[in-house]
Amino acid sequence: MIHWLAMKTLDNPFIGQKPVKLSKQQKSVLELLAKGYKNAKIVDMTGLSINTIRYHTKIVYRKLDVSNAMDAVLRARELGLIE
């Protein structure tokens, strides 16, 4: 028999992990990535430099423990950080 806590953990592998906290800028960049925008378009839309966008993206990837935009968006949705 599987313990009920083990069942909850199997359903949601993020139980017990520290909550992910994103800055406003990081969340904004992540939301634009979720809409399919590439870095160059995000630069145009936000007025931030390409290096700033890359920096925020890198930090988001690190916080979400992913290595690309698609995985970042999926993980953020799983965690309820974005819709």
Protein backbone atom coordinates (compact mmCIF):
# COMPACT_ATOMS: atom_id res chain seq x y z
CA MET A 1 0.00 0.00 0.00
CA ILE A 2 1.27 3.50 -0.87
CA HIS A 3 1.09 6.11 1.85
CA TRP A 4 -1.21 9.08 1.07
CA LEU A 5 1.72 11.52 1.28
CA ALA A 6 3.62 9.48 -1.30
CA MET A 7 0.56 9.64 -3.55
CA LYS A 8 0.43 13.43 -3.24
CA THR A 9 4.13 13.61 -4.08
CA LEU A 10 3.63 11.41 -7.15
CA ASP A 11 0.82 13.70 -8.31
CA ASN A 12 2.83 16.86 -7.69
CA PRO A 13 6.61 16.46 -7.73
CA PHE A 14 7.04 20.06 -6.47
CA ILE A 15 5.59 19.34 -3.01
CA GLY A 16 8.22 20.06 -0.40
CA GLN A 17 10.31 22.32 -2.63
CA LYS A 18 10.93 25.95 -1.75
CA PRO A 19 8.53 28.25 -3.60
CA VAL A 20 9.99 29.95 -6.64
CA LYS A 21 10.02 33.73 -6.36
CA LEU A 22 10.43 35.82 -9.50
CA SER A 23 11.04 39.55 -9.70
CA LYS A 24 8.60 41.69 -11.70
CA GLN A 25 11.09 41.85 -14.58
CA GLN A 26 11.70 38.09 -14.53
CA LYS A 27 7.98 37.35 -14.53
CA SER A 28 7.41 39.87 -17.32
CA VAL A 29 10.09 38.29 -19.50
CA LEU A 30 8.72 34.81 -18.74
CA GLU A 31 5.19 35.88 -19.69
CA LEU A 32 6.46 37.25 -23.01
CA LEU A 33 8.34 34.01 -23.64
CA ALA A 34 5.09 32.16 -22.90
CA LYS A 35 3.41 34.20 -25.63
CA GLY A 36 6.06 32.99 -28.07
CA TYR A 37 8.15 36.15 -28.34
CA LYS A 38 11.87 35.82 -28.98
CA ASN A 39 14.52 37.89 -27.21
CA ALA A 40 14.85 40.44 -30.03
CA LYS A 41 11.10 41.17 -29.99
CA ILE A 42 11.12 41.37 -26.18
CA VAL A 43 13.88 44.00 -26.48
CA ASP A 44 11.70 46.02 -28.86
CA MET A 45 8.63 45.68 -26.66
CA THR A 46 10.27 46.49 -23.32
CA GLY A 47 13.06 48.88 -24.27
CA LEU A 48 15.51 46.79 -22.23
CA SER A 49 18.86 45.80 -23.67
CA ILE A 50 19.45 42.34 -25.11
CA ASN A 51 21.93 41.68 -22.29
CA THR A 52 19.28 42.54 -19.69
CA ILE A 53 16.76 40.20 -21.33
CA ARG A 54 19.36 37.42 -21.47
CA TYR A 55 20.23 38.01 -17.83
CA HIS A 56 16.60 37.81 -16.68
CA THR A 57 16.02 34.73 -18.82
CA LYS A 58 19.11 33.02 -17.37
CA ILE A 59 17.97 33.74 -13.81
CA VAL A 60 14.45 32.43 -14.56
CA TYR A 61 15.92 29.23 -16.03
CA ARG A 62 18.09 28.77 -12.95
CA LYS A 63 15.22 29.36 -10.53
CA LEU A 64 12.97 26.94 -12.42
CA ASP A 65 15.80 24.41 -12.94
CA VAL A 66 15.34 24.30 -16.72
CA SER A 67 17.51 25.00 -19.75
CA ASN A 68 15.16 26.44 -22.37
CA ALA A 69 12.15 28.71 -22.81
CA MET A 70 9.60 25.98 -23.47
CA ASP A 71 10.54 24.09 -20.30
CA ALA A 72 10.54 27.36 -18.33
CA VAL A 73 7.00 28.14 -19.48
CA LEU A 74 5.79 24.62 -18.72
CA ARG A 75 7.37 24.59 -15.26
CA ALA A 76 6.06 28.08 -14.46
CA ARG A 77 2.54 27.00 -15.43
CA GLU A 78 2.86 23.85 -13.30
CA LEU A 79 3.87 26.01 -10.35
CA GLY A 80 1.11 28.54 -10.98
CA LEU A 81 3.55 31.39 -11.62
CA ILE A 82 1.92 32.25 -14.96
CA GLU A 83 -1.33 31.31 -16.71
